[in-house]
Amino acid sequence: MTPYVFRGRTAVLTGAASGIGEQLAYGLAARGSTLVLVDVDAARLAAVADRLARVHPSTAVETIVADLSDRAAVDAVAAEVLASHPALGLLINNAGIALGGRFDQVTVDEFETVMNVNFRAPMLLTHALLPALKATPGSHLVNVSSLFGLIAPAGQSAYSASKFALRGLSQALHSELGDDGIGVTTVHPGGIRTRIAESALVGSGVPAEEVEPNRKVFAKLLSFPADKAATQILDAVGKRKARLLISTSAKAPDLLARLLPVAHARIVRAATSASVSRSRAPQEVTR
């Protein structure tokens, strides 16, 4: 498959208001793409669009504010995009939310919200926008899965289920869409420095005293710069890579899971439990 051409093509990007999505928007503009940016956070999305207007004044930028957990909203996004852009070069399904808590500590509604944003929305958008991608020779699709689409630690049942599902869909589409000249990249970021820890939902059945220690453990994973992650993703698109693992925190667990398909779960659980225990330990007070 020939390298992907960014310049002069329209890219649709979800989760564009912060983190990897924000940096992808800047990177796409720098590479000459026209942008359709989607996010639920209207204020942050407007700030990204304003910065793009200052730094890349010749770049056409459209913004759509939408809650991707709502199917009607997703359908409306697809209809709005198709009305203005019957031919698309790139679709990046990046939006995602996390939910902390064991399976028996989260409600079905909480679980479904995560599945709706992380899996159903990408599936619906891809299905609806596929004709527009097929209308552009050499188009491309990116689905941002996760480290937790490679391993499934305790307390991440909903998030892992959604990201494993997105991984499966992406791999199937990679096989199916090649004949149409459409590339597909599945991205598995490790600990990227984003707002996902602070914005993560917490299961309504999680004891209050466990919330902050678990959030701290999650936040400690987030150390890899989002701008570098975005650059790696766009480089992978250009090269038509089928799979991209970002940072050692994704590559090491992936290797462990492939070498030890069953036993790796015990290792992950031991490491996670140790981290939680350390975060709960009394902290020394200095005066």
Protein backbone atom coordinates (compact mmCIF):
# COMPACT_ATOMS: atom_id res chain seq x y z
CA MET A 1 0.00 0.00 0.00
CA THR A 2 1.36 3.43 -0.93
CA PRO A 3 2.21 5.91 1.86
CA TYR A 4 -0.71 7.93 3.19
CA VAL A 5 -0.90 11.51 1.91
CA PHE A 6 -2.03 14.00 4.57
CA ARG A 7 -1.94 17.25 2.60
CA GLY A 8 -5.20 18.32 1.03
CA ARG A 9 -7.28 15.58 2.66
CA THR A 10 -9.93 15.80 5.35
CA ALA A 11 -9.33 14.10 8.69
CA VAL A 12 -12.07 13.40 11.24
CA LEU A 13 -10.73 13.16 14.79
CA THR A 14 -12.68 12.31 17.95
CA GLY A 15 -11.50 13.18 21.44
CA ALA A 16 -9.73 16.21 20.01
CA ALA A 17 -9.95 18.58 22.97
CA SER A 18 -7.07 17.27 25.07
CA GLY A 19 -4.33 14.68 25.43
CA ILE A 20 -3.34 12.63 22.41
CA GLY A 21 -6.30 13.97 20.44
CA GLU A 22 -5.26 17.59 20.89
CA GLN A 23 -1.71 16.80 19.80
CA LEU A 24 -3.01 14.82 16.82
CA ALA A 25 -4.99 17.87 15.74
CA TYR A 26 -1.85 20.03 15.80
CA GLY A 27 0.13 17.35 13.97
CA LEU A 28 -2.50 16.88 11.28
CA ALA A 29 -2.69 20.63 10.68
CA ALA A 30 1.09 20.81 10.36
CA ARG A 31 0.94 18.04 7.75
CA GLY A 32 -1.64 19.91 5.71
CA SER A 33 -4.91 18.17 6.57
CA THR A 34 -8.32 19.78 6.73
CA LEU A 35 -9.81 19.03 10.16
CA VAL A 36 -13.15 17.97 11.60
CA LEU A 37 -12.68 17.84 15.38
CA VAL A 38 -15.15 16.14 17.71
CA ASP A 39 -15.29 16.26 21.51
CA VAL A 40 -17.77 16.51 24.37
CA ASP A 41 -15.85 19.37 26.06
CA ALA A 42 -16.96 22.49 24.21
CA ALA A 43 -14.62 24.91 26.01
CA ARG A 44 -11.47 22.85 25.53
CA LEU A 45 -12.40 22.08 21.92
CA ALA A 46 -12.85 25.79 21.20
CA ALA A 47 -9.43 26.50 22.73
CA VAL A 48 -7.82 23.90 20.44
CA ALA A 49 -9.56 25.42 17.40
CA ASP A 50 -8.41 28.91 18.44
CA ARG A 51 -4.81 27.78 18.72
CA LEU A 52 -5.01 26.09 15.33
CA ALA A 53 -6.37 29.31 13.83
CA ARG A 54 -3.39 31.24 15.21
CA VAL A 55 -0.66 28.75 14.32
CA HIS A 56 -2.13 27.39 11.08
CA PRO A 57 -4.40 30.17 9.76
CA SER A 58 -4.76 28.55 6.35
CA THR A 59 -6.06 25.26 7.81
CA ALA A 60 -9.81 24.72 7.61
CA VAL A 61 -11.09 23.53 10.99
CA GLU A 62 -14.62 22.46 11.87
CA THR A 63 -15.65 21.55 15.41
CA ILE A 64 -18.52 19.34 16.54
CA VAL A 65 -19.49 19.11 20.20
CA ALA A 66 -21.07 15.72 20.93
CA ASP A 67 -21.48 13.17 23.69
CA LEU A 68 -20.39 9.95 22.03
CA SER A 69 -22.04 7.83 24.72
CA ASP A 70 -25.37 8.82 23.12
CA ARG A 71 -26.13 6.85 19.96
CA ALA A 72 -28.31 9.61 18.53
CA ALA A 73 -25.44 12.07 18.99
CA VAL A 74 -23.04 9.75 17.18
CA ASP A 75 -25.49 9.37 14.30
CA ALA A 76 -25.83 13.15 14.16
CA VAL A 77 -22.04 13.58 14.01
CA ALA A 78 -21.81 11.15 11.10
CA ALA A 79 -24.65 12.89 9.24
CA GLU A 80 -23.05 16.32 9.74
CA VAL A 81 -19.66 15.09 8.53
CA LEU A 82 -21.11 13.39 5.45
CA ALA A 83 -23.15 16.45 4.54
CA SER A 84 -19.99 18.54 4.25
CA HIS A 85 -17.44 15.86 3.36
CA PRO A 86 -18.67 13.06 1.09
CA ALA A 87 -15.02 12.04 0.64
CA LEU A 88 -12.68 11.60 3.62
CA GLY A 89 -9.00 10.81 3.83
CA LEU A 90 -8.67 9.83 7.47
CA LEU A 91 -10.83 8.82 10.44
CA ILE A 92 -9.18 8.64 13.86
CA ASN A 93 -11.36 7.14 16.59
CA ASN A 94 -9.46 8.45 19.60
CA ALA A 95 -12.15 9.44 22.14
CA GLY A 96 -12.28 7.28 25.24
CA ILE A 97 -13.17 7.18 28.92
CA ALA A 98 -12.05 4.97 31.79
CA LEU A 99 -13.99 3.39 34.64
CA GLY A 100 -12.33 2.15 37.80
CA GLY A 101 -13.77 -0.70 39.84
CA ARG A 102 -14.18 -4.45 39.88
CA PHE A 103 -16.99 -5.91 37.81
CA ASP A 104 -19.17 -6.32 40.91
CA GLN A 105 -18.53 -2.68 41.93
CA VAL A 106 -19.84 -1.05 38.75
CA THR A 107 -23.41 -0.85 37.55
CA VAL A 108 -24.56 -2.09 34.17
CA ASP A 109 -25.25 1.51 33.15
CA GLU A 110 -21.70 2.56 34.08
CA PHE A 111 -20.26 -0.40 32.19
CA GLU A 112 -22.39 0.37 29.13
CA THR A 113 -21.35 4.03 29.13
CA VAL A 114 -17.72 2.97 28.73
CA MET A 115 -18.60 0.46 26.02
CA ASN A 116 -20.67 3.08 24.20
CA VAL A 117 -17.89 5.67 24.07
CA ASN A 118 -14.91 3.37 23.60
CA PHE A 119 -16.40 0.77 21.24
CA ARG A 120 -19.91 1.53 19.98
CA ALA A 121 -19.09 5.08 18.88
CA PRO A 122 -16.01 4.05 16.83
CA MET A 123 -17.99 1.19 15.32
CA LEU A 124 -20.91 3.44 14.37
CA LEU A 125 -18.73 6.23 13.00
CA THR A 126 -16.62 3.80 10.98
CA HIS A 127 -19.71 2.11 9.56
CA ALA A 128 -21.38 5.41 8.67
CA LEU A 129 -18.27 7.09 7.25
CA LEU A 130 -16.91 4.08 5.39
CA PRO A 131 -18.49 5.14 2.06
CA ALA A 132 -16.71 8.49 2.37
CA LEU A 133 -13.40 6.74 3.09
CA LYS A 134 -13.94 4.47 0.09
CA ALA A 135 -14.57 7.55 -2.04
CA THR A 136 -10.99 8.72 -1.42
CA PRO A 137 -8.26 6.50 -2.92
CA GLY A 138 -5.66 5.58 -0.30
CA SER A 139 -7.70 6.61 2.75
CA HIS A 140 -6.96 5.37 6.27
CA LEU A 141 -8.63 4.43 9.56
CA VAL A 142 -7.08 4.63 13.02
CA ASN A 143 -8.61 3.07 16.13
CA VAL A 144 -6.93 3.96 19.41
CA SER A 145 -7.14 0.94 21.68
CA SER A 146 -4.95 0.79 24.79
CA LEU A 147 -2.39 -1.08 26.84
CA PHE A 148 -5.54 -2.54 28.41
CA GLY A 149 -6.51 -3.86 25.01
CA LEU A 150 -3.46 -6.11 25.36
CA ILE A 151 -3.76 -7.10 29.02
CA ALA A 152 -6.76 -6.99 31.36
CA PRO A 153 -5.85 -6.12 34.95
CA ALA A 154 -8.26 -6.34 37.85
CA GLY A 155 -10.40 -3.26 38.31
CA GLN A 156 -10.52 -2.47 34.58
CA SER A 157 -13.23 -4.85 33.35
CA ALA A 158 -15.23 -2.27 31.41
CA TYR A 159 -12.25 -0.39 29.97
CA SER A 160 -10.44 -3.59 28.96
CA ALA A 161 -13.60 -5.09 27.46
CA SER A 162 -14.12 -1.99 25.32
CA LYS A 163 -10.50 -1.80 24.19
CA PHE A 164 -10.22 -5.53 23.43
CA ALA A 165 -13.41 -5.20 21.38
CA LEU A 166 -11.99 -2.24 19.46
CA ARG A 167 -8.80 -4.20 18.84
CA GLY A 168 -10.79 -7.12 17.42
CA LEU A 169 -12.85 -4.87 15.16
CA SER A 170 -9.72 -3.13 13.92
CA GLN A 171 -7.93 -6.35 13.07
CA ALA A 172 -10.94 -7.64 11.14
CA LEU A 173 -11.25 -4.35 9.25
CA HIS A 174 -7.56 -4.45 8.42
CA SER A 175 -8.18 -7.73 6.62
CA GLU A 176 -11.42 -6.61 4.98
CA LEU A 177 -10.55 -3.10 3.82
CA GLY A 178 -7.17 -3.82 2.25
CA ASP A 179 -8.85 -4.75 -1.02
CA ASP A 180 -10.45 -1.28 -1.04
CA GLY A 181 -7.09 0.41 -0.59
CA ILE A 182 -8.00 1.57 2.93
CA GLY A 183 -5.30 1.20 5.56
CA VAL A 184 -6.14 0.40 9.18
CA THR A 185 -3.92 1.08 12.19
CA THR A 186 -4.66 -0.19 15.69
CA VAL A 187 -2.89 1.88 18.34
CA HIS A 188 -2.06 0.59 21.82
CA PRO A 189 -0.76 3.50 23.92
CA GLY A 190 0.87 2.72 27.24
CA GLY A 191 1.08 5.34 29.95
CA ILE A 192 0.53 8.57 28.03
CA ARG A 193 0.42 11.85 29.96
CA THR A 194 -3.24 12.81 29.46
CA ARG A 195 -6.28 13.76 31.55
CA ILE A 196 -7.74 10.24 31.50
CA ALA A 197 -6.83 9.54 35.14
CA GLU A 198 -8.45 12.71 36.49
CA SER A 199 -11.49 12.32 34.25
CA ALA A 200 -11.94 8.58 34.84
CA LEU A 201 -15.30 7.44 36.17
CA VAL A 202 -15.40 5.45 39.39
CA GLY A 203 -17.79 2.58 39.94
CA SER A 204 -20.58 3.49 42.35
CA GLY A 205 -19.77 0.41 44.42
CA VAL A 206 -16.10 1.24 44.97
CA PRO A 207 -15.41 2.09 48.65
CA ALA A 208 -14.47 5.72 49.07
CA GLU A 209 -11.15 4.85 50.73
CA GLU A 210 -10.04 2.92 47.63
CA VAL A 211 -10.71 5.66 45.10
CA GLU A 212 -7.69 7.89 45.62
CA PRO A 213 -5.07 5.11 45.99
CA ASN A 214 -6.26 3.49 42.78
CA ARG A 215 -6.36 6.82 40.97
CA LYS A 216 -2.76 7.48 42.06
CA VAL A 217 -1.64 4.10 40.74
CA PHE A 218 -3.34 4.82 37.42
CA ALA A 219 -1.87 8.33 37.23
CA LYS A 220 1.68 7.04 37.86
CA LEU A 221 1.48 5.08 34.62
CA LEU A 222 0.97 8.29 32.68
CA SER A 223 4.45 9.57 31.92
CA PHE A 224 4.96 9.41 28.13
CA PRO A 225 4.45 12.83 26.43
CA ALA A 226 1.22 13.09 24.43
CA ASP A 227 2.89 15.05 21.62
CA LYS A 228 5.41 12.26 21.04
CA ALA A 229 2.58 9.71 21.04
CA ALA A 230 0.71 11.73 18.43
CA THR A 231 3.79 11.96 16.24
CA GLN A 232 4.26 8.20 16.40
CA ILE A 233 0.63 7.66 15.43
CA LEU A 234 0.80 9.97 12.42
CA ASP A 235 4.11 8.44 11.33
CA ALA A 236 2.46 5.00 11.56
CA VAL A 237 -0.42 6.24 9.39
CA GLY A 238 2.02 7.54 6.82
CA LYS A 239 3.74 4.15 6.72
CA ARG A 240 0.43 2.24 6.79
CA LYS A 241 1.42 0.27 9.87
CA ALA A 242 -1.21 -2.19 11.03
CA ARG A 243 -0.24 -2.06 14.70
CA LEU A 244 1.47 0.50 16.88
CA LEU A 245 2.53 0.07 20.50
CA ILE A 246 3.56 3.30 22.21
CA SER A 247 6.07 3.35 25.07
CA THR A 248 7.75 0.57 27.02
CA SER A 249 4.72 0.42 29.31
CA ALA A 250 2.79 -1.08 26.39
CA LYS A 251 5.57 -3.04 24.71
CA ALA A 252 6.74 -4.92 27.82
CA PRO A 253 3.26 -6.16 28.89
CA ASP A 254 2.48 -7.13 25.29
CA LEU A 255 5.63 -9.25 25.13
CA LEU A 256 4.83 -10.74 28.55
CA ALA A 257 1.28 -11.63 27.46
CA ARG A 258 2.53 -13.30 24.29
CA LEU A 259 5.25 -15.27 26.09
CA LEU A 260 3.02 -16.20 29.05
CA PRO A 261 -0.59 -16.21 27.81
CA VAL A 262 -1.98 -17.39 31.16
CA ALA A 263 0.69 -16.73 33.78
CA HIS A 264 1.13 -13.05 32.84
CA ALA A 265 -2.17 -12.24 34.59
CA ARG A 266 -0.72 -13.27 37.96
CA ILE A 267 2.35 -11.10 37.37
CA VAL A 268 0.21 -8.09 36.43
CA ARG A 269 -2.02 -8.61 39.46
CA ALA A 270 0.96 -8.83 41.83
CA ALA A 271 2.51 -5.68 40.41
CA THR A 272 -0.78 -3.77 40.59
CA SER A 273 -1.49 -4.91 44.17
CA ALA A 274 2.00 -3.85 45.25
CA SER A 275 1.52 -0.41 43.71
CA VAL A 276 -1.84 0.07 45.44
CA SER A 277 -0.37 -1.02 48.77
CA ARG A 278 2.44 1.53 48.44
CA SER A 279 -0.02 4.29 47.60
CA ARG A 280 -2.03 3.47 50.73
CA ALA A 281 1.00 3.53 53.02
CA PRO A 282 1.16 6.48 55.46
CA GLN A 283 3.25 9.27 54.02
CA GLU A 284 6.03 10.86 56.06
CA VAL A 285 5.15 14.36 57.11
CA THR A 286 7.94 16.92 57.01
CA ARG A 287 7.86 20.20 58.83
